[in-house]
Amino acid sequence: MVTFVHIFDNLIDEYKAGQFGTIDEHQQQYFDQRSIERTLITCILSSTWTYEKATNAADVFLREFRGNGIGLNEDAIELLLRSNRVRHRFPKSKARQLKASLSAIDKIQESPVDFFTGFDSERLARDFVSTNFPGLGYKQSSMFLRDIGVARELAVIDIHIVWFLENVESLKVPNLSKRNYLLLEDYLKAFSDKVGIGMNALDRLIWASVREFRKMKRAKGCGMQYVLPLAG
């Protein structure tokens, strides 16, 4: 019987053999200001939505508000998020978060990449983002900093990673408070060192392995008997 560990180990071997890449191979493209804003918008919208829809919505948003000199008006942003072009689940709260976060990044006088790289640690940079950019918790802040090429040692802990930690590593994850997030991140860093995979690749490999494992279980007709906590 194929187990999760078998899938995961095979994926690690394929990664080490260079059969596929990760974000590290195309970080430089995000240094452009509009691309950084696109990443920020995507991270804010995807916290309660699918990443693909969030990316498409970010493109629509940038054309509407950042390409023609139109200012950031919260009501106008909400109307866009409610429209058939976007149809976000939470247009009101996301409109507020987008306006505040984009206003915050507008206040940064230098390149955002240079600004965030200037912190003494990646965790301090993430603390700044999660505190000053509404809509970004630790997970989304980690994703944002990673995707603009600033962070390499921050974990993006989602439900797939939590499942791995609980069901494979036998850890208990009662919640993802800041304290617990940091503890789990430390655990994942030690694990990444042990298997010889960087943090930027590790959680992506875990994510892919859990998805493949769930797909395999469903294909065997075990969907009703074997339920993984992976909704969303």
C-alpha atoms as a PDB file:
ATOM      1  CA  MET A   1       0.000   0.000   0.000  1.00  0.00           C
ATOM      2  CA  VAL A   2       1.288   3.446  -0.917  1.00  0.00           C
ATOM      3  CA  THR A   3       1.611   5.606   2.177  1.00  0.00           C
ATOM      4  CA  PHE A   4       1.978   9.344   2.584  1.00  0.00           C
ATOM      5  CA  VAL A   5       5.630   8.885   3.557  1.00  0.00           C
ATOM      6  CA  HIS A   6       6.239   6.987   0.312  1.00  0.00           C
ATOM      7  CA  ILE A   7       4.710   9.823  -1.735  1.00  0.00           C
ATOM      8  CA  PHE A   8       6.606  12.462   0.216  1.00  0.00           C
ATOM      9  CA  ASP A   9       9.960  10.687  -0.008  1.00  0.00           C
ATOM     10  CA  ASN A  10       9.569  10.186  -3.758  1.00  0.00           C
ATOM     11  CA  LEU A  11       8.729  13.866  -4.205  1.00  0.00           C
ATOM     12  CA  ILE A  12      11.813  14.886  -2.228  1.00  0.00           C
ATOM     13  CA  ASP A  13      13.974  12.609  -4.395  1.00  0.00           C
ATOM     14  CA  GLU A  14      12.480  14.136  -7.556  1.00  0.00           C
ATOM     15  CA  TYR A  15      13.089  17.648  -6.256  1.00  0.00           C
ATOM     16  CA  LYS A  16      16.708  16.906  -5.355  1.00  0.00           C
ATOM     17  CA  ALA A  17      17.168  15.387  -8.806  1.00  0.00           C
ATOM     18  CA  GLY A  18      16.104  18.708 -10.328  1.00  0.00           C
ATOM     19  CA  GLN A  19      12.906  17.440 -11.903  1.00  0.00           C
ATOM     20  CA  PHE A  20      10.958  20.541 -10.878  1.00  0.00           C
ATOM     21  CA  GLY A  21      11.656  23.922  -9.315  1.00  0.00           C
ATOM     22  CA  THR A  22      10.296  26.323  -6.730  1.00  0.00           C
ATOM     23  CA  ILE A  23       9.829  30.023  -6.215  1.00  0.00           C
ATOM     24  CA  ASP A  24      13.580  30.474  -5.790  1.00  0.00           C
ATOM     25  CA  GLU A  25      14.060  30.184  -9.540  1.00  0.00           C
ATOM     26  CA  HIS A  26      11.950  33.211 -10.430  1.00  0.00           C
ATOM     27  CA  GLN A  27      12.095  35.532  -7.458  1.00  0.00           C
ATOM     28  CA  GLN A  28      13.755  38.343  -9.394  1.00  0.00           C
ATOM     29  CA  GLN A  29      10.648  39.052 -11.468  1.00  0.00           C
ATOM     30  CA  TYR A  30       8.849  40.349  -8.381  1.00  0.00           C
ATOM     31  CA  PHE A  31      11.178  43.267  -7.813  1.00  0.00           C
ATOM     32  CA  ASP A  32       9.024  45.512 -10.000  1.00  0.00           C
ATOM     33  CA  GLN A  33       6.732  47.750  -7.908  1.00  0.00           C
ATOM     34  CA  ARG A  34       3.502  46.684  -9.630  1.00  0.00           C
ATOM     35  CA  SER A  35       4.425  43.028  -9.280  1.00  0.00           C
ATOM     36  CA  ILE A  36       4.993  43.554  -5.567  1.00  0.00           C
ATOM     37  CA  GLU A  37       1.574  45.203  -5.297  1.00  0.00           C
ATOM     38  CA  ARG A  38       0.053  42.294  -7.238  1.00  0.00           C
ATOM     39  CA  THR A  39       1.606  39.884  -4.756  1.00  0.00           C
ATOM     40  CA  LEU A  40       0.322  41.915  -1.807  1.00  0.00           C
ATOM     41  CA  ILE A  41      -3.223  42.055  -3.193  1.00  0.00           C
ATOM     42  CA  THR A  42      -3.172  38.329  -3.957  1.00  0.00           C
ATOM     43  CA  CYS A  43      -2.022  37.473  -0.437  1.00  0.00           C
ATOM     44  CA  ILE A  44      -4.762  39.605   1.130  1.00  0.00           C
ATOM     45  CA  LEU A  45      -7.548  38.192  -1.039  1.00  0.00           C
ATOM     46  CA  SER A  46      -6.386  34.553  -0.881  1.00  0.00           C
ATOM     47  CA  SER A  47      -6.573  34.326   2.917  1.00  0.00           C
ATOM     48  CA  THR A  48     -10.279  33.444   2.570  1.00  0.00           C
ATOM     49  CA  TRP A  49     -10.342  32.494  -1.110  1.00  0.00           C
ATOM     50  CA  THR A  50      -8.568  30.338  -3.675  1.00  0.00           C
ATOM     51  CA  TYR A  51      -5.132  31.517  -4.768  1.00  0.00           C
ATOM     52  CA  GLU A  52      -6.025  31.346  -8.458  1.00  0.00           C
ATOM     53  CA  LYS A  53      -9.102  33.542  -8.059  1.00  0.00           C
ATOM     54  CA  ALA A  54      -7.143  35.960  -5.887  1.00  0.00           C
ATOM     55  CA  THR A  55      -4.443  36.305  -8.552  1.00  0.00           C
ATOM     56  CA  ASN A  56      -7.009  37.023 -11.258  1.00  0.00           C
ATOM     57  CA  ALA A  57      -8.752  39.543  -9.008  1.00  0.00           C
ATOM     58  CA  ALA A  58      -5.423  41.254  -8.319  1.00  0.00           C
ATOM     59  CA  ASP A  59      -4.930  41.805 -12.042  1.00  0.00           C
ATOM     60  CA  VAL A  60      -8.411  43.308 -12.328  1.00  0.00           C
ATOM     61  CA  PHE A  61      -7.761  45.524  -9.306  1.00  0.00           C
ATOM     62  CA  LEU A  62      -4.462  46.837 -10.673  1.00  0.00           C
ATOM     63  CA  ARG A  63      -6.025  47.743 -14.020  1.00  0.00           C
ATOM     64  CA  GLU A  64      -8.871  49.523 -12.252  1.00  0.00           C
ATOM     65  CA  PHE A  65      -7.042  51.423  -9.515  1.00  0.00           C
ATOM     66  CA  ARG A  66      -3.296  51.493 -10.128  1.00  0.00           C
ATOM     67  CA  GLY A  67      -2.973  52.009 -13.854  1.00  0.00           C
ATOM     68  CA  ASN A  68      -4.876  55.220 -14.452  1.00  0.00           C
ATOM     69  CA  GLY A  69      -4.223  57.469 -11.484  1.00  0.00           C
ATOM     70  CA  ILE A  70      -7.470  56.687  -9.669  1.00  0.00           C
ATOM     71  CA  GLY A  71      -7.107  56.980  -5.902  1.00  0.00           C
ATOM     72  CA  LEU A  72      -7.871  54.239  -3.394  1.00  0.00           C
ATOM     73  CA  ASN A  73     -11.512  54.656  -2.455  1.00  0.00           C
ATOM     74  CA  GLU A  74     -12.830  51.992  -0.110  1.00  0.00           C
ATOM     75  CA  ASP A  75     -16.392  52.101  -1.452  1.00  0.00           C
ATOM     76  CA  ALA A  76     -15.165  51.809  -5.039  1.00  0.00           C
ATOM     77  CA  ILE A  77     -12.928  48.870  -4.095  1.00  0.00           C
ATOM     78  CA  GLU A  78     -15.865  47.147  -2.413  1.00  0.00           C
ATOM     79  CA  LEU A  79     -18.004  47.630  -5.525  1.00  0.00           C
ATOM     80  CA  LEU A  80     -15.281  46.043  -7.637  1.00  0.00           C
ATOM     81  CA  LEU A  81     -14.974  43.091  -5.263  1.00  0.00           C
ATOM     82  CA  ARG A  82     -18.759  42.612  -5.369  1.00  0.00           C
ATOM     83  CA  SER A  83     -18.933  42.862  -9.160  1.00  0.00           C
ATOM     84  CA  ASN A  84     -19.178  39.904 -11.507  1.00  0.00           C
ATOM     85  CA  ARG A  85     -15.558  40.523 -12.491  1.00  0.00           C
ATOM     86  CA  VAL A  86     -14.380  39.466  -9.030  1.00  0.00           C
ATOM     87  CA  ARG A  87     -17.207  38.269  -6.739  1.00  0.00           C
ATOM     88  CA  HIS A  88     -15.113  37.928  -3.592  1.00  0.00           C
ATOM     89  CA  ARG A  89     -16.690  36.236  -0.568  1.00  0.00           C
ATOM     90  CA  PHE A  90     -15.994  39.137   1.798  1.00  0.00           C
ATOM     91  CA  PRO A  91     -15.970  42.342  -0.265  1.00  0.00           C
ATOM     92  CA  LYS A  92     -16.441  44.815   2.582  1.00  0.00           C
ATOM     93  CA  SER A  93     -13.675  43.616   4.897  1.00  0.00           C
ATOM     94  CA  LYS A  94     -11.282  42.959   2.011  1.00  0.00           C
ATOM     95  CA  ALA A  95     -11.896  46.424   0.584  1.00  0.00           C
ATOM     96  CA  ARG A  96     -10.896  47.924   3.920  1.00  0.00           C
ATOM     97  CA  GLN A  97      -7.789  45.731   4.125  1.00  0.00           C
ATOM     98  CA  LEU A  98      -6.712  46.472   0.555  1.00  0.00           C
ATOM     99  CA  LYS A  99      -7.011  50.220   0.986  1.00  0.00           C
ATOM    100  CA  ALA A 100      -5.093  50.219   4.267  1.00  0.00           C
ATOM    101  CA  SER A 101      -2.344  47.843   3.108  1.00  0.00           C
ATOM    102  CA  LEU A 102      -1.751  49.543  -0.226  1.00  0.00           C
ATOM    103  CA  SER A 103      -1.695  52.908   1.534  1.00  0.00           C
ATOM    104  CA  ALA A 104       0.925  51.464   3.899  1.00  0.00           C
ATOM    105  CA  ILE A 105       3.137  50.242   1.077  1.00  0.00           C
ATOM    106  CA  ASP A 106       2.765  53.617  -0.656  1.00  0.00           C
ATOM    107  CA  LYS A 107       4.339  55.248   2.402  1.00  0.00           C
ATOM    108  CA  ILE A 108       7.541  53.252   2.011  1.00  0.00           C
ATOM    109  CA  GLN A 109       9.979  55.689   0.431  1.00  0.00           C
ATOM    110  CA  GLU A 110      12.432  53.112  -0.947  1.00  0.00           C
ATOM    111  CA  SER A 111      11.947  49.881  -2.821  1.00  0.00           C
ATOM    112  CA  PRO A 112       9.812  47.545  -0.658  1.00  0.00           C
ATOM    113  CA  VAL A 113      12.341  44.777  -1.286  1.00  0.00           C
ATOM    114  CA  ASP A 114      15.190  46.951   0.022  1.00  0.00           C
ATOM    115  CA  PHE A 115      13.023  48.089   2.924  1.00  0.00           C
ATOM    116  CA  PHE A 116      12.114  44.594   4.106  1.00  0.00           C
ATOM    117  CA  THR A 117      15.595  43.242   3.467  1.00  0.00           C
ATOM    118  CA  GLY A 118      16.884  45.906   5.834  1.00  0.00           C
ATOM    119  CA  PHE A 119      15.344  44.277   8.914  1.00  0.00           C
ATOM    120  CA  ASP A 120      17.684  42.368  11.194  1.00  0.00           C
ATOM    121  CA  SER A 121      15.765  39.143  10.603  1.00  0.00           C
ATOM    122  CA  GLU A 122      13.045  37.748   8.389  1.00  0.00           C
ATOM    123  CA  ARG A 123      10.841  37.302  11.434  1.00  0.00           C
ATOM    124  CA  LEU A 124      11.140  40.986  12.326  1.00  0.00           C
ATOM    125  CA  ALA A 125      10.194  41.883   8.757  1.00  0.00           C
ATOM    126  CA  ARG A 126       7.171  39.597   9.050  1.00  0.00           C
ATOM    127  CA  ASP A 127       6.183  41.202  12.352  1.00  0.00           C
ATOM    128  CA  PHE A 128       6.197  44.580  10.624  1.00  0.00           C
ATOM    129  CA  VAL A 129       4.059  43.292   7.752  1.00  0.00           C
ATOM    130  CA  SER A 130       1.519  41.521   9.967  1.00  0.00           C
ATOM    131  CA  THR A 131       1.231  44.608  12.189  1.00  0.00           C
ATOM    132  CA  ASN A 132       1.048  47.290   9.493  1.00  0.00           C
ATOM    133  CA  PHE A 133      -0.655  45.510   6.597  1.00  0.00           C
ATOM    134  CA  PRO A 134      -4.270  44.646   7.506  1.00  0.00           C
ATOM    135  CA  GLY A 135      -5.413  41.299   6.131  1.00  0.00           C
ATOM    136  CA  LEU A 136      -2.025  39.617   6.488  1.00  0.00           C
ATOM    137  CA  GLY A 137      -1.483  37.263   9.399  1.00  0.00           C
ATOM    138  CA  TYR A 138       1.699  35.277   9.887  1.00  0.00           C
ATOM    139  CA  LYS A 139       0.896  32.827   7.104  1.00  0.00           C
ATOM    140  CA  GLN A 140       0.043  35.448   4.493  1.00  0.00           C
ATOM    141  CA  SER A 141       2.874  37.739   5.626  1.00  0.00           C
ATOM    142  CA  SER A 142       5.324  34.857   5.200  1.00  0.00           C
ATOM    143  CA  MET A 143       3.939  34.164   1.730  1.00  0.00           C
ATOM    144  CA  PHE A 144       4.188  37.829   0.751  1.00  0.00           C
ATOM    145  CA  LEU A 145       7.811  38.204   1.867  1.00  0.00           C
ATOM    146  CA  ARG A 146       8.769  34.921   0.256  1.00  0.00           C
ATOM    147  CA  ASP A 147       7.105  35.741  -3.055  1.00  0.00           C
ATOM    148  CA  ILE A 148       8.834  39.115  -3.395  1.00  0.00           C
ATOM    149  CA  GLY A 149      12.203  37.468  -2.818  1.00  0.00           C
ATOM    150  CA  VAL A 150      12.876  38.675   0.730  1.00  0.00           C
ATOM    151  CA  ALA A 151      12.323  35.562   2.871  1.00  0.00           C
ATOM    152  CA  ARG A 152      13.824  32.089   2.634  1.00  0.00           C
ATOM    153  CA  GLU A 153      13.422  30.778   6.181  1.00  0.00           C
ATOM    154  CA  LEU A 154       9.775  31.603   6.933  1.00  0.00           C
ATOM    155  CA  ALA A 155       7.142  28.873   6.902  1.00  0.00           C
ATOM    156  CA  VAL A 156       3.784  29.200   5.152  1.00  0.00           C
ATOM    157  CA  ILE A 157       1.710  27.055   7.492  1.00  0.00           C
ATOM    158  CA  ASP A 158      -1.686  26.139   6.041  1.00  0.00           C
ATOM    159  CA  ILE A 159      -4.089  23.268   6.674  1.00  0.00           C
ATOM    160  CA  HIS A 160      -1.962  20.891   4.597  1.00  0.00           C
ATOM    161  CA  ILE A 161       1.078  21.587   6.753  1.00  0.00           C
ATOM    162  CA  VAL A 162      -1.005  21.227   9.916  1.00  0.00           C
ATOM    163  CA  TRP A 163      -2.267  17.840   8.709  1.00  0.00           C
ATOM    164  CA  PHE A 164       1.316  16.730   8.054  1.00  0.00           C
ATOM    165  CA  LEU A 165       2.461  17.862  11.492  1.00  0.00           C
ATOM    166  CA  GLU A 166      -0.420  16.161  13.267  1.00  0.00           C
ATOM    167  CA  ASN A 167      -0.757  12.943  11.257  1.00  0.00           C
ATOM    168  CA  VAL A 168       2.818  12.273  10.183  1.00  0.00           C
ATOM    169  CA  GLU A 169       4.929  14.006  12.823  1.00  0.00           C
ATOM    170  CA  SER A 170       2.424  13.321  15.655  1.00  0.00           C
ATOM    171  CA  LEU A 171       2.350  16.917  16.888  1.00  0.00           C
ATOM    172  CA  LYS A 172      -0.700  18.518  18.441  1.00  0.00           C
ATOM    173  CA  VAL A 173      -1.710  21.806  16.830  1.00  0.00           C
ATOM    174  CA  PRO A 174      -4.545  23.315  18.900  1.00  0.00           C
ATOM    175  CA  ASN A 175      -4.470  26.605  16.990  1.00  0.00           C
ATOM    176  CA  LEU A 176      -2.190  28.855  14.974  1.00  0.00           C
ATOM    177  CA  SER A 177      -1.635  31.613  17.489  1.00  0.00           C
ATOM    178  CA  LYS A 178       1.554  33.615  16.966  1.00  0.00           C
ATOM    179  CA  ARG A 179       3.298  31.615  19.692  1.00  0.00           C
ATOM    180  CA  ASN A 180       2.271  28.270  18.203  1.00  0.00           C
ATOM    181  CA  TYR A 181       3.126  29.451  14.706  1.00  0.00           C
ATOM    182  CA  LEU A 182       6.682  30.248  15.775  1.00  0.00           C
ATOM    183  CA  LEU A 183       7.045  26.899  17.545  1.00  0.00           C
ATOM    184  CA  LEU A 184       5.829  25.031  14.481  1.00  0.00           C
ATOM    185  CA  GLU A 185       8.096  27.097  12.264  1.00  0.00           C
ATOM    186  CA  ASP A 186      11.065  26.119  14.434  1.00  0.00           C
ATOM    187  CA  TYR A 187      10.052  22.477  14.112  1.00  0.00           C
ATOM    188  CA  LEU A 188       9.752  22.750  10.336  1.00  0.00           C
ATOM    189  CA  LYS A 189      13.156  24.454  10.123  1.00  0.00           C
ATOM    190  CA  ALA A 190      14.766  21.597  12.026  1.00  0.00           C
ATOM    191  CA  PHE A 191      12.938  19.120   9.806  1.00  0.00           C
ATOM    192  CA  SER A 192      14.069  20.935   6.650  1.00  0.00           C
ATOM    193  CA  ASP A 193      17.686  20.775   7.843  1.00  0.00           C
ATOM    194  CA  LYS A 194      17.308  17.054   8.517  1.00  0.00           C
ATOM    195  CA  VAL A 195      15.961  16.194   5.055  1.00  0.00           C
ATOM    196  CA  GLY A 196      18.225  18.680   3.273  1.00  0.00           C
ATOM    197  CA  ILE A 197      15.437  20.758   1.731  1.00  0.00           C
ATOM    198  CA  GLY A 198      15.167  24.541   2.114  1.00  0.00           C
ATOM    199  CA  MET A 199      12.144  25.997   3.863  1.00  0.00           C
ATOM    200  CA  ASN A 200      10.931  27.621   0.637  1.00  0.00           C
ATOM    201  CA  ALA A 201      10.655  24.197  -0.952  1.00  0.00           C
ATOM    202  CA  LEU A 202       9.683  22.099   2.065  1.00  0.00           C
ATOM    203  CA  ASP A 203       6.151  23.345   2.650  1.00  0.00           C
ATOM    204  CA  ARG A 204       5.442  23.221  -1.074  1.00  0.00           C
ATOM    205  CA  LEU A 205       6.552  19.581  -1.160  1.00  0.00           C
ATOM    206  CA  ILE A 206       4.398  18.812   1.877  1.00  0.00           C
ATOM    207  CA  TRP A 207       1.446  20.581   0.264  1.00  0.00           C
ATOM    208  CA  ALA A 208       1.859  18.625  -2.974  1.00  0.00           C
ATOM    209  CA  SER A 209       2.266  15.326  -1.100  1.00  0.00           C
ATOM    210  CA  VAL A 210      -0.871  15.832   0.977  1.00  0.00           C
ATOM    211  CA  ARG A 211      -2.855  16.764  -2.129  1.00  0.00           C
ATOM    212  CA  GLU A 212      -1.607  13.650  -3.931  1.00  0.00           C
ATOM    213  CA  PHE A 213      -2.338  11.465  -0.910  1.00  0.00           C
ATOM    214  CA  ARG A 214      -5.893  12.795  -0.685  1.00  0.00           C
ATOM    215  CA  LYS A 215      -6.374  12.286  -4.427  1.00  0.00           C
ATOM    216  CA  MET A 216      -5.158   8.701  -4.118  1.00  0.00           C
ATOM    217  CA  LYS A 217      -7.548   7.982  -1.252  1.00  0.00           C
ATOM    218  CA  ARG A 218     -10.465   9.398  -3.173  1.00  0.00           C
ATOM    219  CA  ALA A 219      -9.575   7.344  -6.241  1.00  0.00           C
ATOM    220  CA  LYS A 220      -9.781   4.212  -4.096  1.00  0.00           C
ATOM    221  CA  GLY A 221     -13.300   5.108  -3.049  1.00  0.00           C
ATOM    222  CA  CYS A 222     -12.376   5.897   0.531  1.00  0.00           C
ATOM    223  CA  GLY A 223     -13.696   9.438   0.517  1.00  0.00           C
ATOM    224  CA  MET A 224     -16.453   8.751   3.029  1.00  0.00           C
ATOM    225  CA  GLN A 225     -14.460   6.437   5.292  1.00  0.00           C
ATOM    226  CA  TYR A 226     -11.202   8.400   5.339  1.00  0.00           C
ATOM    227  CA  VAL A 227     -11.728  12.113   5.723  1.00  0.00           C
ATOM    228  CA  LEU A 228      -8.736  14.432   5.848  1.00  0.00           C
ATOM    229  CA  PRO A 229      -9.165  17.867   7.424  1.00  0.00           C
ATOM    230  CA  LEU A 230      -8.229  19.656   4.215  1.00  0.00           C
ATOM    231  CA  ALA A 231     -11.278  21.696   3.269  1.00  0.00           C
ATOM    232  CA  GLY A 232     -10.524  25.059   1.713  1.00  0.00           C
END
